[in-house]
Amino acid sequence: MCSHPSTCPPPTADGRVLAVPLHRRPEQGWTLLCNGVVVFDDDGELLPDGQVVLTRPWALAGASAG
């Protein structure tokens, strides 16, 4: 699967977006990670099983309630 030295987190793990990028398409707004997750510039994710993730809990950790 991955050929780099570190092990990528599985697509179901909370840290799945820390996997190594394989393909970047900034003009289209997405990046394919080595664990099969597609990360979109608008903070959405598409998991290999087709599940859509619309928010990233780790991105909201520093946000204040407004």
C-alpha atoms as a PDB file:
ATOM      1  CA  MET A   1       0.000   0.000   0.000  1.00  0.00           C
ATOM      2  CA  CYS A   2       2.208   2.893   1.215  1.00  0.00           C
ATOM      3  CA  SER A   3       5.855   2.962   0.191  1.00  0.00           C
ATOM      4  CA  HIS A   4       7.042   5.766   2.488  1.00  0.00           C
ATOM      5  CA  PRO A   5       8.793   5.176   5.862  1.00  0.00           C
ATOM      6  CA  SER A   6       5.937   6.098   8.210  1.00  0.00           C
ATOM      7  CA  THR A   7       2.665   4.204   8.453  1.00  0.00           C
ATOM      8  CA  CYS A   8      -0.402   6.103   7.322  1.00  0.00           C
ATOM      9  CA  PRO A   9      -3.445   6.252   9.561  1.00  0.00           C
ATOM     10  CA  PRO A  10      -6.370   4.178   8.294  1.00  0.00           C
ATOM     11  CA  PRO A  11      -9.209   6.018   6.560  1.00  0.00           C
ATOM     12  CA  THR A  12     -11.473   5.502   9.580  1.00  0.00           C
ATOM     13  CA  ALA A  13      -9.036   7.030  12.107  1.00  0.00           C
ATOM     14  CA  ASP A  14      -9.497  10.552  13.456  1.00  0.00           C
ATOM     15  CA  GLY A  15      -6.063  11.495  12.095  1.00  0.00           C
ATOM     16  CA  ARG A  16      -6.767  10.152   8.588  1.00  0.00           C
ATOM     17  CA  VAL A  17      -5.908  13.509   6.951  1.00  0.00           C
ATOM     18  CA  LEU A  18      -2.318  13.180   8.216  1.00  0.00           C
ATOM     19  CA  ALA A  19      -1.639  10.521   5.571  1.00  0.00           C
ATOM     20  CA  VAL A  20       0.840  11.286   2.797  1.00  0.00           C
ATOM     21  CA  PRO A  21      -0.618  13.065  -0.256  1.00  0.00           C
ATOM     22  CA  LEU A  22      -0.323  11.053  -3.483  1.00  0.00           C
ATOM     23  CA  HIS A  23      -1.992  13.415  -5.934  1.00  0.00           C
ATOM     24  CA  ARG A  24      -2.794  17.111  -5.525  1.00  0.00           C
ATOM     25  CA  ARG A  25      -5.167  18.975  -7.797  1.00  0.00           C
ATOM     26  CA  PRO A  26      -5.289  22.520  -6.375  1.00  0.00           C
ATOM     27  CA  GLU A  27      -6.983  23.817  -9.521  1.00  0.00           C
ATOM     28  CA  GLN A  28      -9.845  21.422  -8.774  1.00  0.00           C
ATOM     29  CA  GLY A  29      -9.648  21.787  -4.993  1.00  0.00           C
ATOM     30  CA  TRP A  30      -8.805  18.254  -3.851  1.00  0.00           C
ATOM     31  CA  THR A  31      -5.971  15.997  -2.680  1.00  0.00           C
ATOM     32  CA  LEU A  32      -5.832  12.183  -2.720  1.00  0.00           C
ATOM     33  CA  LEU A  33      -4.077  10.701   0.314  1.00  0.00           C
ATOM     34  CA  CYS A  34      -2.273   7.347   0.359  1.00  0.00           C
ATOM     35  CA  ASN A  35      -4.959   5.859   2.620  1.00  0.00           C
ATOM     36  CA  GLY A  36      -7.570   6.459  -0.101  1.00  0.00           C
ATOM     37  CA  VAL A  37      -9.173   9.548   1.456  1.00  0.00           C
ATOM     38  CA  VAL A  38      -9.921  12.500  -0.830  1.00  0.00           C
ATOM     39  CA  VAL A  39      -9.620  15.805   1.040  1.00  0.00           C
ATOM     40  CA  PHE A  40     -11.359  18.850  -0.438  1.00  0.00           C
ATOM     41  CA  ASP A  41     -10.229  22.444   0.052  1.00  0.00           C
ATOM     42  CA  ASP A  42     -13.623  23.342   1.532  1.00  0.00           C
ATOM     43  CA  ASP A  43     -12.903  20.987   4.493  1.00  0.00           C
ATOM     44  CA  GLY A  44     -14.971  18.086   3.190  1.00  0.00           C
ATOM     45  CA  GLU A  45     -13.628  14.548   2.863  1.00  0.00           C
ATOM     46  CA  LEU A  46     -14.588  11.492   0.853  1.00  0.00           C
ATOM     47  CA  LEU A  47     -13.620   8.160   2.411  1.00  0.00           C
ATOM     48  CA  PRO A  48     -12.733   5.107   0.290  1.00  0.00           C
ATOM     49  CA  ASP A  49     -16.067   3.462   1.153  1.00  0.00           C
ATOM     50  CA  GLY A  50     -17.989   6.467  -0.255  1.00  0.00           C
ATOM     51  CA  GLN A  51     -18.822   8.030   3.117  1.00  0.00           C
ATOM     52  CA  VAL A  52     -18.845  11.840   3.061  1.00  0.00           C
ATOM     53  CA  VAL A  53     -17.365  13.751   6.009  1.00  0.00           C
ATOM     54  CA  LEU A  54     -18.420  17.406   5.977  1.00  0.00           C
ATOM     55  CA  THR A  55     -16.535  18.723   9.005  1.00  0.00           C
ATOM     56  CA  ARG A  56     -13.249  17.935  10.673  1.00  0.00           C
ATOM     57  CA  PRO A  57     -13.520  17.964  14.486  1.00  0.00           C
ATOM     58  CA  TRP A  58      -9.791  18.740  14.854  1.00  0.00           C
ATOM     59  CA  ALA A  59     -10.227  21.920  12.783  1.00  0.00           C
ATOM     60  CA  LEU A  60     -12.854  23.189  15.201  1.00  0.00           C
ATOM     61  CA  ALA A  61     -10.804  22.624  18.362  1.00  0.00           C
ATOM     62  CA  GLY A  62      -9.416  26.182  18.470  1.00  0.00           C
ATOM     63  CA  ALA A  63     -12.632  27.888  17.361  1.00  0.00           C
ATOM     64  CA  SER A  64     -14.509  29.926  19.935  1.00  0.00           C
ATOM     65  CA  ALA A  65     -18.274  29.820  20.259  1.00  0.00           C
ATOM     66  CA  GLY A  66     -19.612  32.940  18.814  1.00  0.00           C
END
